[in-house]
C-alpha cells in the first residue's frame, strides 16, 4: 500500500524526538483531543472510522522513515477493508511483549484502539470515540509537525461531517446482525481524506474494491483466509449489490448533506 497524498508527516529528512515509555502509554501525550468525538458527532459511522484509520496511517508512515514494519502496513490495509465490513479484520493477536519501544510501541497501541473501533463501533459509539481521541493524541505526539497535523484533522473533519452525514439509527433494520457494515453510511474511500471541500465521488466503491482485491490477492495476514471469507460470503464481488448497484441510494444519502489491553495503564 503506497503513501497517501494527504500525509502531513515529513519523509524523515526532519527529526523531532518524542518521549516513549511502554509503561506510561499515553501519559506523555500533550495534545488534548477530548473535543473530537463531539466535533464528528454528525458524521457517519463509516466516516469516523475512516478518520481513525487515516490517523493510524499518519502514525505508521511517520515511523516508516525510521523502520519498515510490514505487519503494521498490512494491518492498515486490512483496516481500510474493514471500513466496508468489520468481518474483513481478523482477531487481533499481536503479542504486547513483541511490540515495545519507540517504533513498535506506538504502532501496537494505535492498532489496538483502531481494531476495536472497526469491529465494535457499529454498536458501541464509545469505541469509535475512544479510538478517535487516542489516535489523534498519538499522531500528534509522534508527528514532525503537530500543528500541521491538527490543521489537517480540522479541515478533514469538517469535510467529513458535511459530505458524509450521520444516518438515523434503526435497531430493527438488521436485528440479527446479518449485514454488519451495511448501515454505516456512504462509502468513504482512502483518497477522501485528502480532498476536503469536494463532494464524494462515484468511484468510491471502485477505489475500495481495488484495495480489497489487492489485499486478498496478496493474502493479507490480517484478513480471514480465503475459505473463511467464502464461508461468510465475503469476497470482492460480494458487495457489488450493496455498493455498486445501490449507488443511487448512497448518492441520496451523501447529497443530503478493557483499556489495559489498548496501551493504557491499568
Protein backbone atom coordinates (compact mmCIF):
# COMPACT_ATOMS: atom_id res chain seq x y z
CA UNK A 1 0.00 0.00 0.00
CA UNK A 2 1.53 3.30 -1.12
CA UNK A 3 1.78 6.53 0.84
CA UNK A 4 -1.45 8.53 0.58
CA UNK A 5 -1.14 12.06 -0.76
CA UNK A 6 -2.67 13.57 2.37
CA UNK A 7 0.17 12.65 4.73
CA UNK A 8 1.27 15.56 6.89
CA UNK A 9 4.49 13.98 8.13
CA UNK A 10 7.89 14.66 6.64
CA UNK A 11 9.75 11.93 4.80
CA UNK A 12 12.34 11.62 7.53
CA UNK A 13 14.58 14.48 6.50
CA UNK A 14 13.39 16.36 9.57
CA UNK A 15 13.77 14.97 13.05
CA UNK A 16 11.54 15.63 16.03
CA UNK A 17 12.22 13.40 19.03
CA UNK A 18 9.30 12.26 21.12
CA UNK A 19 9.14 10.61 24.52
CA UNK A 20 8.07 6.98 24.63
CA UNK A 21 7.88 4.66 27.60
CA UNK A 22 5.82 1.49 27.19
CA UNK A 23 4.87 1.58 30.86
CA UNK A 24 3.41 5.08 30.60
CA UNK A 25 1.26 4.63 27.48
CA UNK A 26 -0.41 7.99 26.76
CA UNK A 27 0.78 9.80 29.88
CA UNK A 28 3.41 11.69 27.87
CA UNK A 29 0.93 12.88 25.22
CA UNK A 30 0.40 16.65 25.30
CA UNK A 31 -2.45 17.14 22.82
CA UNK A 32 -5.98 17.25 24.25
CA UNK A 33 -8.30 15.58 21.73
CA UNK A 34 -11.32 15.29 24.01
CA UNK A 35 -13.40 17.58 21.78
CA UNK A 36 -13.12 15.41 18.69
CA UNK A 37 -15.97 12.97 19.32
CA UNK A 38 -18.39 15.87 19.59
CA UNK A 39 -16.95 17.64 16.54
CA UNK A 40 -17.50 14.45 14.49
CA UNK A 41 -20.85 13.58 16.09
CA UNK A 42 -22.81 14.42 12.93
CA UNK A 43 -20.52 12.45 10.60
CA UNK A 44 -21.49 8.92 9.59
CA UNK A 45 -20.14 5.90 11.39
CA UNK A 46 -18.08 4.99 8.33
CA UNK A 47 -16.63 8.50 8.04
CA UNK A 48 -15.50 8.47 11.65
CA UNK A 49 -13.96 5.03 11.19
CA UNK A 50 -12.16 6.30 8.08
CA UNK A 51 -10.67 9.21 10.01
CA UNK A 52 -9.48 6.83 12.73
CA UNK A 53 -7.85 4.70 10.04
CA UNK A 54 -6.28 7.78 8.49
CA UNK A 55 -4.85 8.83 11.84
CA UNK A 56 -3.28 5.40 12.22
CA UNK A 57 -1.71 5.85 8.81
CA UNK A 58 -0.31 9.20 9.91
CA UNK A 59 1.46 7.34 12.73
CA UNK A 60 2.51 4.43 10.51
CA UNK A 61 4.12 6.50 7.77
CA UNK A 62 5.75 8.88 10.24
CA UNK A 63 7.53 5.92 11.84
CA UNK A 64 8.13 4.22 8.49
CA UNK A 65 11.04 6.62 7.87
CA UNK A 66 12.82 5.02 10.83
CA UNK A 67 11.79 1.40 10.36
CA UNK A 68 9.65 -0.57 7.93
CA UNK A 69 7.15 -2.71 9.84
CA UNK A 70 5.31 -4.90 7.28
CA UNK A 71 2.79 -6.17 9.85
CA UNK A 72 1.66 -2.62 10.58
CA UNK A 73 1.39 -1.79 6.87
CA UNK A 74 -0.75 -4.83 6.15
CA UNK A 75 -2.86 -4.06 9.23
CA UNK A 76 -3.58 -0.58 7.86
CA UNK A 77 -4.55 -2.12 4.51
CA UNK A 78 -6.90 -4.57 6.24
CA UNK A 79 -8.33 -1.72 8.32
CA UNK A 80 -9.48 0.07 5.17
CA UNK A 81 -11.11 -3.19 4.04
CA UNK A 82 -12.85 -3.34 7.41
CA UNK A 83 -14.44 0.05 6.80
CA UNK A 84 -16.52 -1.91 4.27
CA UNK A 85 -17.40 -4.72 6.65
CA UNK A 86 -15.94 -5.48 10.11
CA UNK A 87 -15.59 -9.18 9.26
CA UNK A 88 -12.65 -8.40 6.99
CA UNK A 89 -10.48 -7.81 10.04
CA UNK A 90 -9.25 -10.92 11.83
CA UNK A 91 -8.91 -11.27 15.57
CA UNK A 92 -6.17 -9.03 16.95
CA UNK A 93 -3.30 -11.29 18.01
CA UNK A 94 -0.21 -9.10 18.28
CA UNK A 95 1.62 -10.03 21.49
CA UNK A 96 2.43 -6.96 23.55
CA UNK A 97 5.85 -8.28 24.52
CA UNK A 98 6.84 -8.30 20.83
CA UNK A 99 5.73 -4.71 20.27
CA UNK A 100 7.73 -2.43 22.52
CA UNK A 101 9.96 0.58 22.07
CA UNK A 102 9.53 3.95 20.32
CA UNK A 103 8.62 2.40 16.95
CA UNK A 104 6.73 -0.80 17.65
CA UNK A 105 5.09 0.51 20.83
CA UNK A 106 3.09 3.31 19.16
CA UNK A 107 2.11 1.02 16.27
CA UNK A 108 0.79 -1.63 18.65
CA UNK A 109 -1.11 0.83 20.84
CA UNK A 110 -2.72 2.55 17.87
CA UNK A 111 -3.69 -0.76 16.29
CA UNK A 112 -5.48 -2.00 19.40
CA UNK A 113 -7.73 1.08 19.51
CA UNK A 114 -8.36 1.07 15.76
CA UNK A 115 -9.25 -2.63 15.74
CA UNK A 116 -11.87 -2.09 18.46
CA UNK A 117 -13.37 0.88 16.61
CA UNK A 118 -13.71 -1.04 13.34
CA UNK A 119 -15.03 -4.29 14.78
CA UNK A 120 -17.24 -2.99 17.60
CA UNK A 121 -18.05 0.58 16.63
CA UNK A 122 -21.29 -0.26 14.83
CA UNK A 123 -22.98 -0.98 18.13
CA UNK A 124 -20.77 0.90 20.58
CA UNK A 125 -20.25 4.52 19.62
CA UNK A 126 -17.84 4.86 22.51
CA UNK A 127 -15.37 2.53 20.77
CA UNK A 128 -15.05 4.98 17.88
CA UNK A 129 -14.95 7.99 20.19
CA UNK A 130 -12.20 6.47 22.34
CA UNK A 131 -10.16 5.44 19.30
CA UNK A 132 -10.53 8.89 17.76
CA UNK A 133 -9.23 10.57 20.91
CA UNK A 134 -6.34 8.17 21.40
CA UNK A 135 -5.23 8.09 17.76
CA UNK A 136 -5.40 11.88 17.43
CA UNK A 137 -3.24 12.26 20.54
CA UNK A 138 -0.83 9.56 19.42
CA UNK A 139 -0.48 11.01 15.92
CA UNK A 140 0.24 14.47 17.31
CA UNK A 141 2.72 13.05 19.80
CA UNK A 142 4.91 11.38 17.18
CA UNK A 143 4.33 13.93 14.41
CA UNK A 144 7.16 16.00 12.98
CA UNK A 145 4.69 18.87 12.57
CA UNK A 146 1.80 18.55 15.05
CA UNK A 147 0.35 21.97 14.18
CA UNK A 148 0.03 20.99 10.52
CA UNK A 149 -1.46 17.65 11.54
CA UNK A 150 -4.11 19.34 13.69
CA UNK A 151 -4.96 21.63 10.76
CA UNK A 152 -5.39 18.55 8.54
CA UNK A 153 -7.63 16.94 11.16
CA UNK A 154 -9.79 20.06 11.42
CA UNK A 155 -10.13 20.52 7.66
CA UNK A 156 -10.77 16.84 7.02
CA UNK A 157 -13.16 16.52 9.96
CA UNK A 158 -15.26 19.45 8.72
CA UNK A 159 -15.38 17.92 5.26
CA UNK A 160 -16.44 14.51 6.54
CA UNK A 161 -19.31 15.98 8.56
CA UNK A 162 -20.59 17.87 5.51
CA UNK A 163 -20.03 15.18 2.89
CA UNK A 164 -20.85 12.06 4.90
CA UNK A 165 -23.66 12.96 7.33
CA UNK A 166 -24.69 10.67 10.14
CA UNK A 167 -27.57 8.33 9.30
CA UNK A 168 -30.57 7.71 11.57
CA UNK A 169 -30.03 4.51 13.53
CA UNK A 170 -32.78 1.89 13.38
CA UNK A 171 -32.03 -1.15 15.52
CA UNK A 172 -34.80 -3.10 13.76
CA UNK A 173 -33.24 -2.80 10.31
CA UNK A 174 -30.76 -5.61 10.90
CA UNK A 175 -31.92 -7.06 14.19
CA UNK A 176 -29.82 -10.22 13.96
CA UNK A 177 -26.69 -8.58 12.54
CA UNK A 178 -26.78 -10.42 9.23
CA UNK A 179 -25.30 -7.47 7.33
CA UNK A 180 -22.64 -5.83 9.50
CA UNK A 181 -21.20 -2.69 7.96
CA UNK A 182 -24.10 -2.06 5.59
CA UNK A 183 -25.64 0.64 7.75
CA UNK A 184 -22.56 2.78 8.25
CA UNK A 185 -23.43 5.29 5.56
CA UNK A 186 -21.92 6.07 2.17
CA UNK A 187 -18.54 4.62 1.30
CA UNK A 188 -15.52 6.71 2.27
CA UNK A 189 -12.52 5.99 0.04
CA UNK A 190 -8.99 6.46 1.30
CA UNK A 191 -8.49 9.43 -1.02
CA UNK A 192 -11.42 11.26 0.61
CA UNK A 193 -9.12 12.25 3.46
CA UNK A 194 -7.14 14.37 1.03
CA UNK A 195 -9.89 16.16 -0.84
CA UNK A 196 -11.61 18.50 1.62
CA UNK A 197 -14.29 20.61 0.00
CA UNK A 198 -15.09 18.13 -2.76
CA UNK A 199 -18.23 16.03 -2.91
CA UNK A 200 -17.92 12.23 -2.57
CA UNK A 201 -17.02 10.67 -5.89
CA UNK A 202 -18.97 7.99 -7.70
CA UNK A 203 -15.75 5.98 -7.79
CA UNK A 204 -15.65 5.29 -4.06
CA UNK A 205 -16.61 1.63 -4.45
CA UNK A 206 -14.20 1.17 -7.36
CA UNK A 207 -11.32 2.52 -5.27
CA UNK A 208 -12.16 0.44 -2.22
CA UNK A 209 -12.75 -2.66 -4.31
CA UNK A 210 -9.30 -2.29 -5.85
CA UNK A 211 -7.77 -2.03 -2.39
CA UNK A 212 -9.75 -5.06 -1.23
CA UNK A 213 -8.79 -7.16 -4.24
CA UNK A 214 -5.14 -6.29 -3.69
CA UNK A 215 -5.35 -7.31 -0.03
CA UNK A 216 -6.98 -10.63 -0.92
CA UNK A 217 -4.53 -11.32 -3.75
CA UNK A 218 -1.55 -10.55 -1.53
CA UNK A 219 -3.04 -12.78 1.19
CA UNK A 220 -3.04 -10.04 3.77
CA UNK A 221 -2.48 -11.85 7.09
CA UNK A 222 -4.97 -9.63 8.90
CA UNK A 223 -7.83 -10.78 6.67
CA UNK A 224 -9.51 -14.16 7.25
CA UNK A 225 -8.22 -16.79 4.85
CA UNK A 226 -9.97 -17.45 1.56
CA UNK A 227 -12.01 -20.36 2.94
CA UNK A 228 -13.23 -18.29 5.88
CA UNK A 229 -14.17 -15.38 3.60
CA UNK A 230 -16.08 -17.72 1.31
CA UNK A 231 -17.87 -19.32 4.26
CA UNK A 232 -19.33 -15.99 5.33
CA UNK A 233 -19.93 -14.78 1.79
CA UNK A 234 -17.24 -12.11 1.74
CA UNK A 235 -15.19 -11.52 -1.39
CA UNK A 236 -14.73 -8.51 -3.71
CA UNK A 237 -17.85 -9.37 -5.72
CA UNK A 238 -19.99 -9.75 -2.61
CA UNK A 239 -20.50 -6.02 -2.27
CA UNK A 240 -21.49 -5.26 -5.85
CA UNK A 241 -25.19 -5.34 -4.99
CA UNK A 242 -24.75 -3.31 -1.82
CA UNK A 243 -22.37 -0.66 -3.05
CA UNK A 244 -22.41 -0.59 -6.85
CA UNK A 245 -25.99 -1.32 -7.82
CA UNK A 246 -27.12 0.56 -4.72
CA UNK A 247 -25.12 3.64 -5.62
CA UNK A 248 -28.24 5.71 -6.23
CA UNK A 249 -29.34 5.16 -2.65
CA UNK A 250 -25.90 6.11 -1.38
CA UNK A 251 -25.84 9.25 -3.52
CA UNK A 252 -29.10 10.36 -1.95
CA UNK A 253 -27.52 9.98 1.46
CA UNK A 254 -24.39 11.92 0.52
CA UNK A 255 -26.24 14.69 -1.21
CA UNK A 256 -28.40 15.29 1.89
CA UNK A 257 -25.63 16.83 3.20
CA UNK A 258 -10.68 -3.01 28.52
CA UNK A 259 -8.12 -0.11 28.45
CA UNK A 260 -5.13 -2.04 29.75
CA UNK A 261 -5.24 -4.08 26.55
CA UNK A 262 -5.09 -0.95 24.41
CA UNK A 263 -1.92 0.73 25.56
CA UNK A 264 -3.43 2.42 28.63
CA UNK A 265 -2.21 1.97 32.17
CA UNK A 266 -4.33 -0.27 34.34
